[in-house]
Amino acid sequence: MDNSMKNMKFVTKLPVPKELKAEFPISENAKKIKAQRDKEIAKIFKGESDKFLLIIGPCSADREESVLDYVNRLAEVQKQVEDKILIIPRIYTGKPRTTGAGYKGMLHQPDPDKKPDMLEGIIAIRSLHSKAIEQSGLTCADEMLYPGNYRYLSDLLSYVAVGARSVENQEHRLTGSGMDVPCGMKNPTSGDFSIMLNAITAAQSPHTFIYRGWEVETSGNEYAHAILRGSVNKHGICHSNYHYEDLQTLLGMYNEATHKNPAVIIDTNHSNSGKNYLEQIRICDEVMHNYKHNSAIKKIVKGFMIESYIEDGCQKIEDGVYGKSITDPCLGWEKSKDLIFKIADRLE
């Protein structure tokens, strides 16, 4: 081993994704569920289905028991709105940290009360996603924080998001081009739509590049699309970008380009809500009004991304409240359930 880097200690040699998948395979039932769900989601992005997507769940997954509890609750609601809405639970297992401080997700700490253990973390997140499918019949979404780790979950995920701080990164864009499922590209924290659209162009195009020690070729991902999450200006003030004028601007930029299946998901939290989680309800209401008012906007708006958990708000790790976020504040279960039904009522 190269020991020339004195400030970097090599702790554990991690298995390659192929080895981990062989050790922890998914069931034939889970494979069938994923194949069917992937087809349904693809139809939405291709405009062949009028169903509305809800990518909804905790800011970050923290403890298996409460996350699975939440996903199973979603599964019951899904049965009641399945004619109008397709729910993709958020199981985000890696949490980007602006300064590097704080809880970095289950990938790093499968137990938030213990020190980081990446090997246990990789096993834990694969187990969590597998159990979610088996118990709920729903395949889930995760954020691609580390492109090299995507293959650990590639046979389990039906949706992948690229965050605002990662969307300009070449490896994220090119890895997205090799996915078989929708890859959402968030606008950067600056709010620049052109950066987001460049990322979509890259992800929809074929590439040759180095990935996990291999030269790989990708054919492009026609389901790469935009996620609007608001922005932050040079003074640190949040600006939203879910309004009618913002959607019209994005529509115009899409029309000037040659993207396949132009689409956008509205992130109702983050800078769009100013991290005021209760604002998510009002934001959904405004977007639904615009969705019904303008047929062109209706065509590209495919759904919402909502931060929701069992309990309202957030807490410190040591507080230990069951089902309450230990990162950004989330909408509690009762409010989330009511919101899902309200959105369904607004859909034709």
Foldseek 3Di string as FASTA:
>chain_A
DDCPDVVDDDDDDADALVVLCVVVPFDPQLLVLLVVVLVVQVCLLQVNDQAFEEAEEALEDAALVQRLVFLQVVLVLCVVLVNHYDYAYEHAAAADDPVPDDDGGLCQPVHPVDGGDNNVSLNSVQVSLSVSCVNRSHQHEYECPDLLSCSNCLSGHQEYEYDQVGLQPPSVLQSLQAHAHAYEYEHHQQNDVVSSVVSQVSQQDWDWDDHPNDTDIGHHYLRYEYEYEFHAHPVRATDGQLALVNLVVNLVVVVVDDHHSYAYEYEQADSNPPLPQVCSLVSLVRNLVSLVVDVSSVSHYRYYYFHEWADFFADDPVVPDRTAHNPGTHHHDVVVSVSVVVSSVSRD
